[in-house]
PDB file of N, CA and C in Angstrom:
ATOM      1  N   MET A   1    -195.487  32.117 -61.027  1.00  0.00           N
ATOM      2  CA  MET A   1    -194.140  32.287 -61.535  1.00  0.00           C
ATOM      3  C   MET A   1    -193.685  33.697 -61.245  1.00  0.00           C
ATOM      4  N   GLU A   2    -192.587  33.826 -60.580  1.00  0.00           N
ATOM      5  CA  GLU A   2    -192.161  35.111 -60.132  1.00  0.00           C
ATOM      6  C   GLU A   2    -191.662  36.028 -61.234  1.00  0.00           C
ATOM      7  N   ASN A   3    -191.264  35.483 -62.377  1.00  0.00           N
ATOM      8  CA  ASN A   3    -190.779  36.311 -63.474  1.00  0.00           C
ATOM      9  C   ASN A   3    -191.888  36.792 -64.386  1.00  0.00           C
ATOM     10  N   ALA A   4    -193.110  36.341 -64.104  1.00  0.00           N
ATOM     11  CA  ALA A   4    -194.304  36.794 -64.829  1.00  0.00           C
ATOM     12  C   ALA A   4    -194.200  36.708 -66.332  1.00  0.00           C
ATOM     13  N   GLY A   5    -193.623  35.637 -66.799  1.00  0.00           N
ATOM     14  CA  GLY A   5    -193.571  35.412 -68.237  1.00  0.00           C
ATOM     15  C   GLY A   5    -192.455  36.095 -68.974  1.00  0.00           C
ATOM     16  N   SER A   6    -191.438  36.574 -68.261  1.00  0.00           N
ATOM     17  CA  SER A   6    -190.380  37.305 -68.919  1.00  0.00           C
ATOM     18  C   SER A   6    -189.105  36.504 -69.116  1.00  0.00           C
ATOM     19  N   ILE A   7    -189.113  35.236 -68.828  1.00  0.00           N
ATOM     20  CA  ILE A   7    -187.957  34.376 -69.026  1.00  0.00           C
ATOM     21  C   ILE A   7    -188.187  33.544 -70.287  1.00  0.00           C
ATOM     22  N   THR A   8    -187.125  33.265 -71.019  1.00  0.00           N
ATOM     23  CA  THR A   8    -187.299  32.464 -72.231  1.00  0.00           C
ATOM     24  C   THR A   8    -187.473  30.999 -71.852  1.00  0.00           C
ATOM     25  N   ILE A   9    -188.023  30.225 -72.805  1.00  0.00           N
ATOM     26  CA  ILE A   9    -188.210  28.798 -72.567  1.00  0.00           C
ATOM     27  C   ILE A   9    -186.856  28.128 -72.367  1.00  0.00           C
ATOM     28  N   GLY A  10    -185.873  28.522 -73.161  1.00  0.00           N
ATOM     29  CA  GLY A  10    -184.527  27.967 -73.024  1.00  0.00           C
ATOM     30  C   GLY A  10    -183.919  28.260 -71.657  1.00  0.00           C
ATOM     31  N   GLU A  11    -184.081  29.485 -71.163  1.00  0.00           N
ATOM     32  CA  GLU A  11    -183.551  29.843 -69.846  1.00  0.00           C
ATOM     33  C   GLU A  11    -184.241  29.040 -68.760  1.00  0.00           C
ATOM     34  N   MET A  12    -185.560  28.902 -68.863  1.00  0.00           N
ATOM     35  CA  MET A  12    -186.291  28.154 -67.842  1.00  0.00           C
ATOM     36  C   MET A  12    -185.886  26.679 -67.879  1.00  0.00           C
ATOM     37  N   ALA A  13    -185.776  26.123 -69.086  1.00  0.00           N
ATOM     38  CA  ALA A  13    -185.381  24.721 -69.201  1.00  0.00           C
ATOM     39  C   ALA A  13    -184.004  24.482 -68.581  1.00  0.00           C
ATOM     40  N   ALA A  14    -183.054  25.367 -68.869  1.00  0.00           N
ATOM     41  CA  ALA A  14    -181.717  25.243 -68.306  1.00  0.00           C
ATOM     42  C   ALA A  14    -181.737  25.366 -66.790  1.00  0.00           C
ATOM     43  N   GLU A  15    -182.545  26.291 -66.288  1.00  0.00           N
ATOM     44  CA  GLU A  15    -182.621  26.522 -64.851  1.00  0.00           C
ATOM     45  C   GLU A  15    -183.133  25.293 -64.095  1.00  0.00           C
ATOM     46  N   ILE A  16    -184.086  24.567 -64.688  1.00  0.00           N
ATOM     47  CA  ILE A  16    -184.650  23.417 -63.987  1.00  0.00           C
ATOM     48  C   ILE A  16    -184.079  22.080 -64.455  1.00  0.00           C
ATOM     49  N   GLY A  17    -183.192  22.133 -65.455  1.00  0.00           N
ATOM     50  CA  GLY A  17    -182.525  20.918 -65.899  1.00  0.00           C
ATOM     51  C   GLY A  17    -183.298  20.056 -66.870  1.00  0.00           C
ATOM     52  N   PHE A  18    -184.267  20.651 -67.603  1.00  0.00           N
ATOM     53  CA  PHE A  18    -185.020  19.929 -68.628  1.00  0.00           C
ATOM     54  C   PHE A  18    -184.526  20.375 -69.980  1.00  0.00           C
ATOM     55  N   SER A  19    -184.774  19.546 -70.994  1.00  0.00           N
ATOM     56  CA  SER A  19    -184.603  20.002 -72.355  1.00  0.00           C
ATOM     57  C   SER A  19    -185.773  20.920 -72.708  1.00  0.00           C
ATOM     58  N   ARG A  20    -185.599  21.734 -73.725  1.00  0.00           N
ATOM     59  CA  ARG A  20    -186.720  22.612 -74.150  1.00  0.00           C
ATOM     60  C   ARG A  20    -187.928  21.783 -74.541  1.00  0.00           C
ATOM     61  N   LYS A  21    -187.684  20.680 -75.247  1.00  0.00           N
ATOM     62  CA  LYS A  21    -188.755  19.821 -75.695  1.00  0.00           C
ATOM     63  C   LYS A  21    -189.515  19.194 -74.515  1.00  0.00           C
ATOM     64  N   HIS A  22    -188.788  18.728 -73.535  1.00  0.00           N
ATOM     65  CA  HIS A  22    -189.421  18.134 -72.356  1.00  0.00           C
ATOM     66  C   HIS A  22    -190.206  19.177 -71.549  1.00  0.00           C
ATOM     67  N   LEU A  23    -189.612  20.357 -71.391  1.00  0.00           N
ATOM     68  CA  LEU A  23    -190.306  21.412 -70.659  1.00  0.00           C
ATOM     69  C   LEU A  23    -191.587  21.805 -71.377  1.00  0.00           C
ATOM     70  N   THR A  24    -191.517  21.956 -72.695  1.00  0.00           N
ATOM     71  CA  THR A  24    -192.712  22.313 -73.457  1.00  0.00           C
ATOM     72  C   THR A  24    -193.802  21.266 -73.277  1.00  0.00           C
ATOM     73  N   ALA A  25    -193.424  19.991 -73.364  1.00  0.00           N
ATOM     74  CA  ALA A  25    -194.395  18.911 -73.183  1.00  0.00           C
ATOM     75  C   ALA A  25    -194.983  18.921 -71.789  1.00  0.00           C
ATOM     76  N   GLN A  26    -194.186  19.163 -70.772  1.00  0.00           N
ATOM     77  CA  GLN A  26    -194.654  19.166 -69.400  1.00  0.00           C
ATOM     78  C   GLN A  26    -195.615  20.347 -69.129  1.00  0.00           C
ATOM     79  N   VAL A  27    -195.238  21.504 -69.624  1.00  0.00           N
ATOM     80  CA  VAL A  27    -196.098  22.671 -69.440  1.00  0.00           C
ATOM     81  C   VAL A  27    -197.448  22.468 -70.122  1.00  0.00           C
ATOM     82  N   ARG A  28    -197.401  21.974 -71.337  1.00  0.00           N
ATOM     83  CA  ARG A  28    -198.636  21.740 -72.102  1.00  0.00           C
ATOM     84  C   ARG A  28    -199.493  20.683 -71.370  1.00  0.00           C
ATOM     85  N   GLU A  29    -198.873  19.619 -70.844  1.00  0.00           N
ATOM     86  CA  GLU A  29    -199.601  18.590 -70.148  1.00  0.00           C
ATOM     87  C   GLU A  29    -200.221  19.101 -68.862  1.00  0.00           C
ATOM     88  N   GLN A  30    -199.474  19.877 -68.101  1.00  0.00           N
ATOM     89  CA  GLN A  30    -199.921  20.343 -66.789  1.00  0.00           C
ATOM     90  C   GLN A  30    -200.900  21.531 -66.855  1.00  0.00           C
ATOM     91  N   LEU A  31    -200.660  22.406 -67.812  1.00  0.00           N
ATOM     92  CA  LEU A  31    -201.448  23.635 -67.883  1.00  0.00           C
ATOM     93  C   LEU A  31    -202.428  23.700 -69.048  1.00  0.00           C
ATOM     94  N   GLY A  32    -202.232  22.806 -70.016  1.00  0.00           N
ATOM     95  CA  GLY A  32    -203.117  22.799 -71.164  1.00  0.00           C
ATOM     96  C   GLY A  32    -202.824  23.853 -72.210  1.00  0.00           C
ATOM     97  N   LEU A  33    -201.697  24.559 -72.027  1.00  0.00           N
ATOM     98  CA  LEU A  33    -201.286  25.595 -72.955  1.00  0.00           C
ATOM     99  C   LEU A  33    -199.810  25.450 -73.225  1.00  0.00           C
ATOM    100  N   PRO A  34    -199.336  25.865 -74.399  1.00  0.00           N
ATOM    101  CA  PRO A  34    -197.907  25.879 -74.648  1.00  0.00           C
ATOM    102  C   PRO A  34    -197.215  26.968 -73.832  1.00  0.00           C
ATOM    103  N   PRO A  35    -195.942  26.808 -73.536  1.00  0.00           N
ATOM    104  CA  PRO A  35    -195.226  27.795 -72.701  1.00  0.00           C
ATOM    105  C   PRO A  35    -195.321  29.235 -73.186  1.00  0.00           C
ATOM    106  N   LYS A  36    -195.288  29.466 -74.480  1.00  0.00           N
ATOM    107  CA  LYS A  36    -195.357  30.857 -74.948  1.00  0.00           C
ATOM    108  C   LYS A  36    -196.709  31.477 -74.623  1.00  0.00           C
ATOM    109  N   MET A  37    -197.777  30.699 -74.694  1.00  0.00           N
ATOM    110  CA  MET A  37    -199.082  31.224 -74.329  1.00  0.00           C
ATOM    111  C   MET A  37    -199.153  31.484 -72.819  1.00  0.00           C
ATOM    112  N   VAL A  38    -198.591  30.603 -72.030  1.00  0.00           N
ATOM    113  CA  VAL A  38    -198.545  30.812 -70.596  1.00  0.00           C
ATOM    114  C   VAL A  38    -197.804  32.098 -70.300  1.00  0.00           C
ATOM    115  N   ALA A  39    -196.697  32.336 -70.966  1.00  0.00           N
ATOM    116  CA  ALA A  39    -195.917  33.570 -70.748  1.00  0.00           C
ATOM    117  C   ALA A  39    -196.756  34.769 -71.134  1.00  0.00           C
ATOM    118  N   ARG A  40    -197.498  34.714 -72.215  1.00  0.00           N
ATOM    119  CA  ARG A  40    -198.361  35.842 -72.623  1.00  0.00           C
ATOM    120  C   ARG A  40    -199.394  36.142 -71.560  1.00  0.00           C
ATOM    121  N   VAL A  41    -200.025  35.091 -71.038  1.00  0.00           N
ATOM    122  CA  VAL A  41    -201.057  35.257 -69.994  1.00  0.00           C
ATOM    123  C   VAL A  41    -200.432  35.862 -68.743  1.00  0.00           C
ATOM    124  N   LEU A  42    -199.255  35.392 -68.346  1.00  0.00           N
ATOM    125  CA  LEU A  42    -198.604  35.920 -67.146  1.00  0.00           C
ATOM    126  C   LEU A  42    -198.229  37.389 -67.329  1.00  0.00           C
ATOM    127  N   ARG A  43    -197.689  37.748 -68.502  1.00  0.00           N
ATOM    128  CA  ARG A  43    -197.358  39.165 -68.750  1.00  0.00           C
ATOM    129  C   ARG A  43    -198.595  40.040 -68.714  1.00  0.00           C
ATOM    130  N   PHE A  44    -199.681  39.541 -69.340  1.00  0.00           N
ATOM    131  CA  PHE A  44    -200.930  40.297 -69.322  1.00  0.00           C
ATOM    132  C   PHE A  44    -201.464  40.484 -67.913  1.00  0.00           C
ATOM    133  N   ASN A  45    -201.448  39.432 -67.129  1.00  0.00           N
ATOM    134  CA  ASN A  45    -201.903  39.533 -65.741  1.00  0.00           C
ATOM    135  C   ASN A  45    -201.087  40.522 -64.956  1.00  0.00           C
ATOM    136  N   ARG A  46    -199.759  40.520 -65.189  1.00  0.00           N
ATOM    137  CA  ARG A  46    -198.914  41.466 -64.518  1.00  0.00           C
ATOM    138  C   ARG A  46    -199.254  42.897 -64.911  1.00  0.00           C
ATOM    139  N   ALA A  47    -199.553  43.106 -66.186  1.00  0.00           N
ATOM    140  CA  ALA A  47    -199.926  44.435 -66.692  1.00  0.00           C
ATOM    141  C   ALA A  47    -201.246  44.898 -66.055  1.00  0.00           C
ATOM    142  N   ILE A  48    -202.204  44.001 -65.962  1.00  0.00           N
ATOM    143  CA  ILE A  48    -203.486  44.347 -65.355  1.00  0.00           C
ATOM    144  C   ILE A  48    -203.283  44.752 -63.900  1.00  0.00           C
ATOM    145  N   ARG A  49    -202.492  43.979 -63.165  1.00  0.00           N
ATOM    146  CA  ARG A  49    -202.223  44.317 -61.747  1.00  0.00           C
ATOM    147  C   ARG A  49    -201.573  45.703 -61.646  1.00  0.00           C
ATOM    148  N   ALA A  50    -200.606  45.973 -62.540  1.00  0.00           N
ATOM    149  CA  ALA A  50    -199.943  47.267 -62.507  1.00  0.00           C
ATOM    150  C   ALA A  50    -200.928  48.394 -62.824  1.00  0.00           C
ATOM    151  N   ALA A  51    -201.817  48.178 -63.764  1.00  0.00           N
ATOM    152  CA  ALA A  51    -202.800  49.181 -64.123  1.00  0.00           C
ATOM    153  C   ALA A  51    -203.782  49.428 -62.974  1.00  0.00           C
ATOM    154  N   GLU A  52    -204.182  48.371 -62.289  1.00  0.00           N
ATOM    155  CA  GLU A  52    -205.165  48.499 -61.212  1.00  0.00           C
ATOM    156  C   GLU A  52    -204.652  49.272 -60.023  1.00  0.00           C
ATOM    157  N   VAL A  53    -203.339  49.249 -59.791  1.00  0.00           N
ATOM    158  CA  VAL A  53    -202.804  50.033 -58.665  1.00  0.00           C
ATOM    159  C   VAL A  53    -202.458  51.442 -59.104  1.00  0.00           C
ATOM    160  N   GLY A  54    -202.570  51.704 -60.401  1.00  0.00           N
ATOM    161  CA  GLY A  54    -202.304  53.021 -60.938  1.00  0.00           C
ATOM    162  C   GLY A  54    -200.850  53.163 -61.291  1.00  0.00           C
ATOM    163  N   ASN A  55    -200.623  53.870 -62.349  1.00  0.00           N
ATOM    164  CA  ASN A  55    -199.245  54.096 -62.835  1.00  0.00           C
ATOM    165  C   ASN A  55    -199.241  55.424 -63.588  1.00  0.00           C
ATOM    166  N   GLU A  56    -198.662  56.398 -62.993  1.00  0.00           N
ATOM    167  CA  GLU A  56    -198.632  57.739 -63.602  1.00  0.00           C
ATOM    168  C   GLU A  56    -197.857  57.763 -64.916  1.00  0.00           C
ATOM    169  N   ALA A  57    -196.968  56.812 -65.117  1.00  0.00           N
ATOM    170  CA  ALA A  57    -196.149  56.794 -66.339  1.00  0.00           C
ATOM    171  C   ALA A  57    -196.966  56.356 -67.565  1.00  0.00           C
ATOM    172  N   GLY A  58    -198.050  55.650 -67.360  1.00  0.00           N
ATOM    173  CA  GLY A  58    -198.915  55.264 -68.476  1.00  0.00           C
ATOM    174  C   GLY A  58    -198.678  53.870 -69.006  1.00  0.00           C
ATOM    175  N   TRP A  59    -199.431  53.567 -70.075  1.00  0.00           N
ATOM    176  CA  TRP A  59    -199.432  52.219 -70.644  1.00  0.00           C
ATOM    177  C   TRP A  59    -198.085  51.813 -71.197  1.00  0.00           C
ATOM    178  N   ALA A  60    -197.385  52.733 -71.827  1.00  0.00           N
ATOM    179  CA  ALA A  60    -196.062  52.367 -72.415  1.00  0.00           C
ATOM    180  C   ALA A  60    -195.115  51.874 -71.354  1.00  0.00           C
ATOM    181  N   ALA A  61    -195.103  52.539 -70.205  1.00  0.00           N
ATOM    182  CA  ALA A  61    -194.213  52.112 -69.117  1.00  0.00           C
ATOM    183  C   ALA A  61    -194.663  50.764 -68.558  1.00  0.00           C
ATOM    184  N   ILE A  62    -195.949  50.572 -68.423  1.00  0.00           N
ATOM    185  CA  ILE A  62    -196.455  49.273 -67.970  1.00  0.00           C
ATOM    186  C   ILE A  62    -196.026  48.173 -68.929  1.00  0.00           C
ATOM    187  N   ALA A  63    -196.227  48.405 -70.214  1.00  0.00           N
ATOM    188  CA  ALA A  63    -195.861  47.394 -71.226  1.00  0.00           C
ATOM    189  C   ALA A  63    -194.378  47.066 -71.115  1.00  0.00           C
ATOM    190  N   GLN A  64    -193.546  48.049 -71.011  1.00  0.00           N
ATOM    191  CA  GLN A  64    -192.111  47.805 -70.899  1.00  0.00           C
ATOM    192  C   GLN A  64    -191.764  47.061 -69.602  1.00  0.00           C
ATOM    193  N   ASP A  65    -192.330  47.500 -68.501  1.00  0.00           N
ATOM    194  CA  ASP A  65    -192.072  46.869 -67.206  1.00  0.00           C
ATOM    195  C   ASP A  65    -192.507  45.407 -67.159  1.00  0.00           C
ATOM    196  N   CYS A  66    -193.507  45.085 -67.957  1.00  0.00           N
ATOM    197  CA  CYS A  66    -194.072  43.729 -67.945  1.00  0.00           C
ATOM    198  C   CYS A  66    -193.446  42.802 -68.981  1.00  0.00           C
ATOM    199  N   GLY A  67    -192.431  43.294 -69.673  1.00  0.00           N
ATOM    200  CA  GLY A  67    -191.684  42.454 -70.599  1.00  0.00           C
ATOM    201  C   GLY A  67    -192.144  42.427 -72.015  1.00  0.00           C
ATOM    202  N   TYR A  68    -193.019  43.356 -72.407  1.00  0.00           N
ATOM    203  CA  TYR A  68    -193.428  43.424 -73.810  1.00  0.00           C
ATOM    204  C   TYR A  68    -192.307  44.074 -74.597  1.00  0.00           C
ATOM    205  N   PHE A  69    -192.069  43.587 -75.807  1.00  0.00           N
ATOM    206  CA  PHE A  69    -190.997  44.113 -76.653  1.00  0.00           C
ATOM    207  C   PHE A  69    -191.417  45.433 -77.287  1.00  0.00           C
ATOM    208  N   ASP A  70    -192.704  45.581 -77.545  1.00  0.00           N
ATOM    209  CA  ASP A  70    -193.191  46.819 -78.141  1.00  0.00           C
ATOM    210  C   ASP A  70    -194.678  46.982 -77.853  1.00  0.00           C
ATOM    211  N   GLN A  71    -195.184  48.171 -78.109  1.00  0.00           N
ATOM    212  CA  GLN A  71    -196.558  48.474 -77.826  1.00  0.00           C
ATOM    213  C   GLN A  71    -197.559  47.653 -78.671  1.00  0.00           C
ATOM    214  N   PRO A  72    -197.276  47.366 -79.948  1.00  0.00           N
ATOM    215  CA  PRO A  72    -198.230  46.543 -80.699  1.00  0.00           C
ATOM    216  C   PRO A  72    -198.461  45.152 -80.088  1.00  0.00           C
ATOM    217  N   HIS A  73    -197.402  44.533 -79.556  1.00  0.00           N
ATOM    218  CA  HIS A  73    -197.573  43.244 -78.896  1.00  0.00           C
ATOM    219  C   HIS A  73    -198.417  43.372 -77.625  1.00  0.00           C
ATOM    220  N   PHE A  74    -198.148  44.437 -76.898  1.00  0.00           N
ATOM    221  CA  PHE A  74    -198.926  44.697 -75.676  1.00  0.00           C
ATOM    222  C   PHE A  74    -200.425  44.870 -76.014  1.00  0.00           C
ATOM    223  N   ILE A  75    -200.689  45.678 -77.008  1.00  0.00           N
ATOM    224  CA  ILE A  75    -202.097  45.941 -77.407  1.00  0.00           C
ATOM    225  C   ILE A  75    -202.731  44.664 -77.939  1.00  0.00           C
ATOM    226  N   ARG A  76    -202.000  43.890 -78.741  1.00  0.00           N
ATOM    227  CA  ARG A  76    -202.538  42.619 -79.262  1.00  0.00           C
ATOM    228  C   ARG A  76    -202.954  41.699 -78.120  1.00  0.00           C
ATOM    229  N   ASP A  77    -202.087  41.529 -77.113  1.00  0.00           N
ATOM    230  CA  ASP A  77    -202.428  40.681 -75.979  1.00  0.00           C
ATOM    231  C   ASP A  77    -203.578  41.266 -75.176  1.00  0.00           C
ATOM    232  N   PHE A  78    -203.578  42.565 -75.001  1.00  0.00           N
ATOM    233  CA  PHE A  78    -204.618  43.198 -74.212  1.00  0.00           C
ATOM    234  C   PHE A  78    -205.985  42.939 -74.839  1.00  0.00           C
ATOM    235  N   VAL A  79    -206.074  43.151 -76.150  1.00  0.00           N
ATOM    236  CA  VAL A  79    -207.343  42.913 -76.873  1.00  0.00           C
ATOM    237  C   VAL A  79    -207.699  41.404 -76.845  1.00  0.00           C
ATOM    238  N   ALA A  80    -206.700  40.554 -77.043  1.00  0.00           N
ATOM    239  CA  ALA A  80    -206.957  39.105 -77.089  1.00  0.00           C
ATOM    240  C   ALA A  80    -207.499  38.601 -75.749  1.00  0.00           C
ATOM    241  N   PHE A  81    -206.952  39.099 -74.651  1.00  0.00           N
ATOM    242  CA  PHE A  81    -207.318  38.557 -73.335  1.00  0.00           C
ATOM    243  C   PHE A  81    -208.446  39.326 -72.644  1.00  0.00           C
ATOM    244  N   SER A  82    -208.648  40.580 -73.003  1.00  0.00           N
ATOM    245  CA  SER A  82    -209.699  41.347 -72.318  1.00  0.00           C
ATOM    246  C   SER A  82    -210.846  41.728 -73.235  1.00  0.00           C
ATOM    247  N   GLY A  83    -210.619  41.670 -74.544  1.00  0.00           N
ATOM    248  CA  GLY A  83    -211.646  42.053 -75.489  1.00  0.00           C
ATOM    249  C   GLY A  83    -211.771  43.549 -75.678  1.00  0.00           C
ATOM    250  N   MET A  84    -210.798  44.292 -75.133  1.00  0.00           N
ATOM    251  CA  MET A  84    -210.824  45.754 -75.285  1.00  0.00           C
ATOM    252  C   MET A  84    -209.397  46.284 -75.326  1.00  0.00           C
ATOM    253  N   THR A  85    -209.233  47.485 -75.836  1.00  0.00           N
ATOM    254  CA  THR A  85    -207.942  48.131 -75.853  1.00  0.00           C
ATOM    255  C   THR A  85    -207.621  48.634 -74.439  1.00  0.00           C
ATOM    256  N   PRO A  86    -206.354  48.941 -74.196  1.00  0.00           N
ATOM    257  CA  PRO A  86    -206.006  49.482 -72.855  1.00  0.00           C
ATOM    258  C   PRO A  86    -206.820  50.737 -72.522  1.00  0.00           C
ATOM    259  N   SER A  87    -207.042  51.626 -73.496  1.00  0.00           N
ATOM    260  CA  SER A  87    -207.826  52.835 -73.230  1.00  0.00           C
ATOM    261  C   SER A  87    -209.268  52.499 -72.867  1.00  0.00           C
ATOM    262  N   GLU A  88    -209.869  51.534 -73.573  1.00  0.00           N
ATOM    263  CA  GLU A  88    -211.230  51.118 -73.228  1.00  0.00           C
ATOM    264  C   GLU A  88    -211.266  50.509 -71.822  1.00  0.00           C
ATOM    265  N   PHE A  89    -210.277  49.712 -71.485  1.00  0.00           N
ATOM    266  CA  PHE A  89    -210.176  49.106 -70.160  1.00  0.00           C
ATOM    267  C   PHE A  89    -210.150  50.224 -69.113  1.00  0.00           C
ATOM    268  N   HIS A  90    -209.327  51.219 -69.351  1.00  0.00           N
ATOM    269  CA  HIS A  90    -209.201  52.333 -68.420  1.00  0.00           C
ATOM    270  C   HIS A  90    -210.546  53.036 -68.211  1.00  0.00           C
ATOM    271  N   ARG A  91    -211.236  53.312 -69.300  1.00  0.00           N
ATOM    272  CA  ARG A  91    -212.530  54.019 -69.198  1.00  0.00           C
ATOM    273  C   ARG A  91    -213.572  53.186 -68.470  1.00  0.00           C
ATOM    274  N   ARG A  92    -213.574  51.877 -68.700  1.00  0.00           N
ATOM    275  CA  ARG A  92    -214.611  51.002 -68.118  1.00  0.00           C
ATOM    276  C   ARG A  92    -214.309  50.542 -66.698  1.00  0.00           C
ATOM    277  N   ARG A  93    -213.042  50.349 -66.380  1.00  0.00           N
ATOM    278  CA  ARG A  93    -212.727  49.655 -65.135  1.00  0.00           C
ATOM    279  C   ARG A  93    -212.047  50.500 -64.057  1.00  0.00           C
ATOM    280  N   MET A  94    -211.387  51.573 -64.445  1.00  0.00           N
ATOM    281  CA  MET A  94    -210.572  52.295 -63.475  1.00  0.00           C
ATOM    282  C   MET A  94    -211.338  53.460 -62.859  1.00  0.00           C
ATOM    283  N   PRO A  95    -211.166  53.629 -61.563  1.00  0.00           N
ATOM    284  CA  PRO A  95    -211.781  54.796 -60.921  1.00  0.00           C
ATOM    285  C   PRO A  95    -211.043  56.068 -61.352  1.00  0.00           C
ATOM    286  N   ASP A  96    -211.693  57.204 -61.195  1.00  0.00           N
ATOM    287  CA  ASP A  96    -211.009  58.460 -61.503  1.00  0.00           C
ATOM    288  C   ASP A  96    -209.699  58.522 -60.722  1.00  0.00           C
ATOM    289  N   GLY A  97    -208.678  59.012 -61.366  1.00  0.00           N
ATOM    290  CA  GLY A  97    -207.387  59.115 -60.710  1.00  0.00           C
ATOM    291  C   GLY A  97    -206.533  57.872 -60.839  1.00  0.00           C
ATOM    292  N   GLY A  98    -207.010  56.867 -61.587  1.00  0.00           N
ATOM    293  CA  GLY A  98    -206.218  55.653 -61.783  1.00  0.00           C
ATOM    294  C   GLY A  98    -205.122  55.893 -62.823  1.00  0.00           C
ATOM    295  N   LEU A  99    -204.898  54.935 -63.619  1.00  0.00           N
ATOM    296  CA  LEU A  99    -203.858  54.999 -64.650  1.00  0.00           C
ATOM    297  C   LEU A  99    -204.123  56.136 -65.610  1.00  0.00           C
ATOM    298  N   ILE A 100    -203.092  56.853 -65.929  1.00  0.00           N
ATOM    299  CA  ILE A 100    -203.189  57.879 -66.971  1.00  0.00           C
ATOM    300  C   ILE A 100    -202.783  57.242 -68.274  1.00  0.00           C
ATOM    301  N   GLY A 101    -203.705  57.162 -69.239  1.00  0.00           N
ATOM    302  CA  GLY A 101    -203.471  56.475 -70.488  1.00  0.00           C
ATOM    303  C   GLY A 101    -202.534  57.110 -71.378  1.00  0.00           C
TER     304      GLY A 101
END
């Protein structure tokens, strides 16, 4: 999905001509997850990709660029999907000179 989880369910339903209820049922049937969870996973994956290429602006800019409304939601998803905070991720996974936390 090119919008990486930043479109609302209503917008997506309107764009493809489904009702919200039908879209929700189809996403759940095809992917095994409700649309909001799919959007969370897509946003998180986008954030990981941004972090891996480095971003001098830091985590707050990545969170904003990836469609998070605030830093607590970003951190909640980061911990839920990776098992670590963004700072822990940086220390464990990034080479020197990567993302500045």
